[in-house]
């Protein structure tokens, strides 16, 4: 959890973080970060990094 919060830094407030953790995430195959945090923490960190980086169009 701490590592995920470090990725977001101050970019999201408490409510935005709660929403992110409780929402389905396409980077996690449609799973919610809170559901896979314990079993696959690295994947959740990577999903958080993707969220912070934003969408890249090529």
PDB file of N, CA and C in Angstrom:
ATOM      1  N   UNK A   1       0.821  -1.186   0.000  1.00  0.00           N
ATOM      2  CA  UNK A   1       0.000   0.000   0.000  1.00  0.00           C
ATOM      3  C   UNK A   1       0.869   1.255   0.000  1.00  0.00           C
ATOM      4  N   UNK A   2       1.894   1.262   0.829  1.00  0.00           N
ATOM      5  CA  UNK A   2       2.769   2.432   0.907  1.00  0.00           C
ATOM      6  C   UNK A   2       3.404   2.741  -0.436  1.00  0.00           C
ATOM      7  N   UNK A   3       3.845   1.709  -1.143  1.00  0.00           N
ATOM      8  CA  UNK A   3       4.484   1.932  -2.442  1.00  0.00           C
ATOM      9  C   UNK A   3       3.504   2.509  -3.453  1.00  0.00           C
ATOM     10  N   UNK A   4       2.269   2.062  -3.412  1.00  0.00           N
ATOM     11  CA  UNK A   4       1.252   2.605  -4.320  1.00  0.00           C
ATOM     12  C   UNK A   4       1.006   4.074  -3.996  1.00  0.00           C
ATOM     13  N   UNK A   5       0.882   4.395  -2.725  1.00  0.00           N
ATOM     14  CA  UNK A   5       0.649   5.783  -2.329  1.00  0.00           C
ATOM     15  C   UNK A   5       1.824   6.674  -2.721  1.00  0.00           C
ATOM     16  N   UNK A   6       3.042   6.147  -2.658  1.00  0.00           N
ATOM     17  CA  UNK A   6       4.219   6.916  -3.087  1.00  0.00           C
ATOM     18  C   UNK A   6       4.139   7.249  -4.570  1.00  0.00           C
ATOM     19  N   UNK A   7       3.645   6.308  -5.367  1.00  0.00           N
ATOM     20  CA  UNK A   7       3.523   6.548  -6.809  1.00  0.00           C
ATOM     21  C   UNK A   7       2.598   7.731  -7.061  1.00  0.00           C
ATOM     22  N   UNK A   8       1.475   7.776  -6.361  1.00  0.00           N
ATOM     23  CA  UNK A   8       0.518   8.860  -6.573  1.00  0.00           C
ATOM     24  C   UNK A   8       0.985  10.178  -5.971  1.00  0.00           C
ATOM     25  N   UNK A   9       1.786  10.123  -4.926  1.00  0.00           N
ATOM     26  CA  UNK A   9       2.240  11.354  -4.297  1.00  0.00           C
ATOM     27  C   UNK A   9       1.073  12.237  -3.919  1.00  0.00           C
ATOM     28  N   UNK A  10       1.118  13.479  -4.323  1.00  0.00           N
ATOM     29  CA  UNK A  10       0.029  14.406  -4.018  1.00  0.00           C
ATOM     30  C   UNK A  10      -0.901  14.605  -5.212  1.00  0.00           C
ATOM     31  N   UNK A  11      -0.795  13.737  -6.218  1.00  0.00           N
ATOM     32  CA  UNK A  11      -1.611  13.910  -7.422  1.00  0.00           C
ATOM     33  C   UNK A  11      -3.081  13.575  -7.202  1.00  0.00           C
ATOM     34  N   UNK A  12      -3.411  12.804  -6.157  1.00  0.00           N
ATOM     35  CA  UNK A  12      -4.798  12.461  -5.853  1.00  0.00           C
ATOM     36  C   UNK A  12      -5.063  12.709  -4.373  1.00  0.00           C
ATOM     37  N   UNK A  13      -6.248  13.250  -4.082  1.00  0.00           N
ATOM     38  CA  UNK A  13      -6.615  13.420  -2.682  1.00  0.00           C
ATOM     39  C   UNK A  13      -7.199  12.103  -2.158  1.00  0.00           C
ATOM     40  N   UNK A  14      -7.610  12.097  -0.911  1.00  0.00           N
ATOM     41  CA  UNK A  14      -8.106  10.880  -0.286  1.00  0.00           C
ATOM     42  C   UNK A  14      -9.275  10.249  -1.010  1.00  0.00           C
ATOM     43  N   UNK A  15     -10.253  11.065  -1.426  1.00  0.00           N
ATOM     44  CA  UNK A  15     -11.418  10.523  -2.133  1.00  0.00           C
ATOM     45  C   UNK A  15     -11.030   9.964  -3.493  1.00  0.00           C
ATOM     46  N   UNK A  16     -10.146  10.641  -4.204  1.00  0.00           N
ATOM     47  CA  UNK A  16      -9.714  10.154  -5.517  1.00  0.00           C
ATOM     48  C   UNK A  16      -8.952   8.838  -5.377  1.00  0.00           C
ATOM     49  N   UNK A  17      -8.136   8.721  -4.338  1.00  0.00           N
ATOM     50  CA  UNK A  17      -7.427   7.465  -4.088  1.00  0.00           C
ATOM     51  C   UNK A  17      -8.409   6.345  -3.766  1.00  0.00           C
ATOM     52  N   UNK A  18      -9.390   6.632  -2.919  1.00  0.00           N
ATOM     53  CA  UNK A  18     -10.390   5.622  -2.569  1.00  0.00           C
ATOM     54  C   UNK A  18     -11.134   5.164  -3.814  1.00  0.00           C
ATOM     55  N   UNK A  19     -11.502   6.097  -4.669  1.00  0.00           N
ATOM     56  CA  UNK A  19     -12.193   5.760  -5.912  1.00  0.00           C
ATOM     57  C   UNK A  19     -11.306   4.895  -6.799  1.00  0.00           C
ATOM     58  N   UNK A  20     -10.029   5.240  -6.927  1.00  0.00           N
ATOM     59  CA  UNK A  20      -9.117   4.465  -7.772  1.00  0.00           C
ATOM     60  C   UNK A  20      -8.997   3.035  -7.260  1.00  0.00           C
ATOM     61  N   UNK A  21      -8.804   2.858  -5.970  1.00  0.00           N
ATOM     62  CA  UNK A  21      -8.657   1.518  -5.397  1.00  0.00           C
ATOM     63  C   UNK A  21      -9.923   0.685  -5.548  1.00  0.00           C
ATOM     64  N   UNK A  22     -11.095   1.320  -5.552  1.00  0.00           N
ATOM     65  CA  UNK A  22     -12.366   0.589  -5.585  1.00  0.00           C
ATOM     66  C   UNK A  22     -12.954   0.431  -6.981  1.00  0.00           C
ATOM     67  N   UNK A  23     -12.314   1.007  -7.982  1.00  0.00           N
ATOM     68  CA  UNK A  23     -12.831   0.947  -9.351  1.00  0.00           C
ATOM     69  C   UNK A  23     -12.132  -0.139 -10.158  1.00  0.00           C
ATOM     70  N   UNK A  24     -12.868  -0.715 -11.105  1.00  0.00           N
ATOM     71  CA  UNK A  24     -12.233  -1.688 -11.991  1.00  0.00           C
ATOM     72  C   UNK A  24     -11.144  -0.991 -12.783  1.00  0.00           C
ATOM     73  N   UNK A  25     -10.112  -1.739 -13.095  1.00  0.00           N
ATOM     74  CA  UNK A  25      -8.936  -1.164 -13.734  1.00  0.00           C
ATOM     75  C   UNK A  25      -8.561  -2.028 -14.927  1.00  0.00           C
ATOM     76  N   UNK A  26      -8.568  -1.445 -16.104  1.00  0.00           N
ATOM     77  CA  UNK A  26      -8.264  -2.213 -17.309  1.00  0.00           C
ATOM     78  C   UNK A  26      -6.835  -2.751 -17.290  1.00  0.00           C
ATOM     79  N   UNK A  27      -5.921  -2.031 -16.654  1.00  0.00           N
ATOM     80  CA  UNK A  27      -4.537  -2.497 -16.559  1.00  0.00           C
ATOM     81  C   UNK A  27      -4.437  -3.776 -15.730  1.00  0.00           C
ATOM     82  N   UNK A  28      -5.416  -3.985 -14.863  1.00  0.00           N
ATOM     83  CA  UNK A  28      -5.449  -5.184 -14.019  1.00  0.00           C
ATOM     84  C   UNK A  28      -6.454  -6.201 -14.554  1.00  0.00           C
ATOM     85  N   UNK A  29      -6.780  -6.115 -15.822  1.00  0.00           N
ATOM     86  CA  UNK A  29      -7.696  -7.069 -16.441  1.00  0.00           C
ATOM     87  C   UNK A  29      -9.123  -6.940 -15.942  1.00  0.00           C
ATOM     88  N   UNK A  30      -9.514  -5.741 -15.541  1.00  0.00           N
ATOM     89  CA  UNK A  30     -10.867  -5.498 -15.068  1.00  0.00           C
ATOM     90  C   UNK A  30     -11.045  -5.725 -13.578  1.00  0.00           C
ATOM     91  N   UNK A  31      -9.983  -6.089 -12.881  1.00  0.00           N
ATOM     92  CA  UNK A  31     -10.050  -6.270 -11.423  1.00  0.00           C
ATOM     93  C   UNK A  31      -9.911  -4.912 -10.736  1.00  0.00           C
ATOM     94  N   UNK A  32     -10.343  -4.852  -9.493  1.00  0.00           N
ATOM     95  CA  UNK A  32     -10.167  -3.630  -8.700  1.00  0.00           C
ATOM     96  C   UNK A  32      -8.836  -3.716  -7.965  1.00  0.00           C
ATOM     97  N   UNK A  33      -8.082  -2.622  -7.908  1.00  0.00           N
ATOM     98  CA  UNK A  33      -6.804  -2.651  -7.201  1.00  0.00           C
ATOM     99  C   UNK A  33      -6.912  -3.197  -5.778  1.00  0.00           C
ATOM    100  N   UNK A  34      -7.973  -2.853  -5.068  1.00  0.00           N
ATOM    101  CA  UNK A  34      -8.087  -3.336  -3.693  1.00  0.00           C
ATOM    102  C   UNK A  34      -8.250  -4.851  -3.628  1.00  0.00           C
ATOM    103  N   UNK A  35      -8.754  -5.465  -4.689  1.00  0.00           N
ATOM    104  CA  UNK A  35      -8.946  -6.913  -4.703  1.00  0.00           C
ATOM    105  C   UNK A  35      -7.664  -7.683  -5.007  1.00  0.00           C
ATOM    106  N   UNK A  36      -6.711  -7.050  -5.663  1.00  0.00           N
ATOM    107  CA  UNK A  36      -5.482  -7.767  -6.043  1.00  0.00           C
ATOM    108  C   UNK A  36      -4.236  -7.231  -5.350  1.00  0.00           C
ATOM    109  N   UNK A  37      -4.399  -6.232  -4.499  1.00  0.00           N
ATOM    110  CA  UNK A  37      -3.244  -5.626  -3.832  1.00  0.00           C
ATOM    111  C   UNK A  37      -2.448  -6.642  -3.031  1.00  0.00           C
ATOM    112  N   UNK A  38      -3.114  -7.492  -2.300  1.00  0.00           N
ATOM    113  CA  UNK A  38      -2.408  -8.450  -1.457  1.00  0.00           C
ATOM    114  C   UNK A  38      -1.771  -9.574  -2.273  1.00  0.00           C
ATOM    115  N   UNK A  39      -2.451 -10.053  -3.294  1.00  0.00           N
ATOM    116  CA  UNK A  39      -1.926 -11.176  -4.069  1.00  0.00           C
ATOM    117  C   UNK A  39      -0.944 -10.763  -5.158  1.00  0.00           C
ATOM    118  N   UNK A  40      -1.094  -9.559  -5.703  1.00  0.00           N
ATOM    119  CA  UNK A  40      -0.230  -9.095  -6.796  1.00  0.00           C
ATOM    120  C   UNK A  40       0.146  -7.625  -6.612  1.00  0.00           C
ATOM    121  N   UNK A  41       0.862  -7.306  -5.546  1.00  0.00           N
ATOM    122  CA  UNK A  41       1.168  -5.892  -5.280  1.00  0.00           C
ATOM    123  C   UNK A  41       1.953  -5.208  -6.398  1.00  0.00           C
ATOM    124  N   UNK A  42       2.844  -5.931  -7.052  1.00  0.00           N
ATOM    125  CA  UNK A  42       3.635  -5.323  -8.123  1.00  0.00           C
ATOM    126  C   UNK A  42       2.743  -4.881  -9.287  1.00  0.00           C
ATOM    127  N   UNK A  43       1.732  -5.672  -9.596  1.00  0.00           N
ATOM    128  CA  UNK A  43       0.804  -5.302 -10.669  1.00  0.00           C
ATOM    129  C   UNK A  43       0.026  -4.038 -10.310  1.00  0.00           C
ATOM    130  N   UNK A  44      -0.338  -3.910  -9.043  1.00  0.00           N
ATOM    131  CA  UNK A  44      -1.073  -2.719  -8.613  1.00  0.00           C
ATOM    132  C   UNK A  44      -0.163  -1.495  -8.685  1.00  0.00           C
ATOM    133  N   UNK A  45       1.082  -1.647  -8.305  1.00  0.00           N
ATOM    134  CA  UNK A  45       2.042  -0.542  -8.420  1.00  0.00           C
ATOM    135  C   UNK A  45       2.191  -0.134  -9.877  1.00  0.00           C
ATOM    136  N   UNK A  46       2.294  -1.103 -10.767  1.00  0.00           N
ATOM    137  CA  UNK A  46       2.417  -0.805 -12.195  1.00  0.00           C
ATOM    138  C   UNK A  46       1.160  -0.113 -12.720  1.00  0.00           C
ATOM    139  N   UNK A  47      -0.013  -0.518 -12.241  1.00  0.00           N
ATOM    140  CA  UNK A  47      -1.259   0.137 -12.645  1.00  0.00           C
ATOM    141  C   UNK A  47      -1.289   1.583 -12.143  1.00  0.00           C
ATOM    142  N   UNK A  48      -0.792   1.800 -10.945  1.00  0.00           N
ATOM    143  CA  UNK A  48      -0.718   3.162 -10.405  1.00  0.00           C
ATOM    144  C   UNK A  48       0.242   4.009 -11.240  1.00  0.00           C
ATOM    145  N   UNK A  49       1.366   3.443 -11.604  1.00  0.00           N
ATOM    146  CA  UNK A  49       2.327   4.170 -12.451  1.00  0.00           C
ATOM    147  C   UNK A  49       1.703   4.530 -13.791  1.00  0.00           C
ATOM    148  N   UNK A  50       0.947   3.602 -14.366  1.00  0.00           N
ATOM    149  CA  UNK A  50       0.276   3.873 -15.637  1.00  0.00           C
ATOM    150  C   UNK A  50      -0.756   4.991 -15.467  1.00  0.00           C
ATOM    151  N   UNK A  51      -1.451   4.999 -14.353  1.00  0.00           N
ATOM    152  CA  UNK A  51      -2.431   6.044 -14.069  1.00  0.00           C
ATOM    153  C   UNK A  51      -1.762   7.413 -13.979  1.00  0.00           C
ATOM    154  N   UNK A  52      -0.634   7.481 -13.292  1.00  0.00           N
ATOM    155  CA  UNK A  52       0.065   8.747 -13.117  1.00  0.00           C
ATOM    156  C   UNK A  52       0.648   9.233 -14.450  1.00  0.00           C
ATOM    157  N   UNK A  53       1.146   8.311 -15.251  1.00  0.00           N
ATOM    158  CA  UNK A  53       1.731   8.684 -16.550  1.00  0.00           C
ATOM    159  C   UNK A  53       0.689   9.181 -17.533  1.00  0.00           C
ATOM    160  N   UNK A  54      -0.544   8.716 -17.395  1.00  0.00           N
ATOM    161  CA  UNK A  54      -1.602   9.111 -18.299  1.00  0.00           C
ATOM    162  C   UNK A  54      -1.555   8.333 -19.587  1.00  0.00           C
ATOM    163  N   UNK A  55      -2.464   8.642 -20.457  1.00  0.00           N
ATOM    164  CA  UNK A  55      -2.578   7.951 -21.739  1.00  0.00           C
ATOM    165  C   UNK A  55      -1.581   8.535 -22.719  1.00  0.00           C
ATOM    166  N   UNK A  56      -0.842   7.658 -23.363  1.00  0.00           N
ATOM    167  CA  UNK A  56       0.108   8.088 -24.389  1.00  0.00           C
ATOM    168  C   UNK A  56      -0.449   7.707 -25.759  1.00  0.00           C
ATOM    169  N   UNK A  57      -0.565   8.678 -26.612  1.00  0.00           N
ATOM    170  CA  UNK A  57      -1.054   8.418 -27.965  1.00  0.00           C
ATOM    171  C   UNK A  57       0.135   8.415 -28.912  1.00  0.00           C
ATOM    172  N   UNK A  58       0.135   7.469 -29.808  1.00  0.00           N
ATOM    173  CA  UNK A  58       1.258   7.376 -30.724  1.00  0.00           C
ATOM    174  C   UNK A  58       0.821   7.555 -32.075  1.00  0.00           C
TER     175      UNK A  58
END
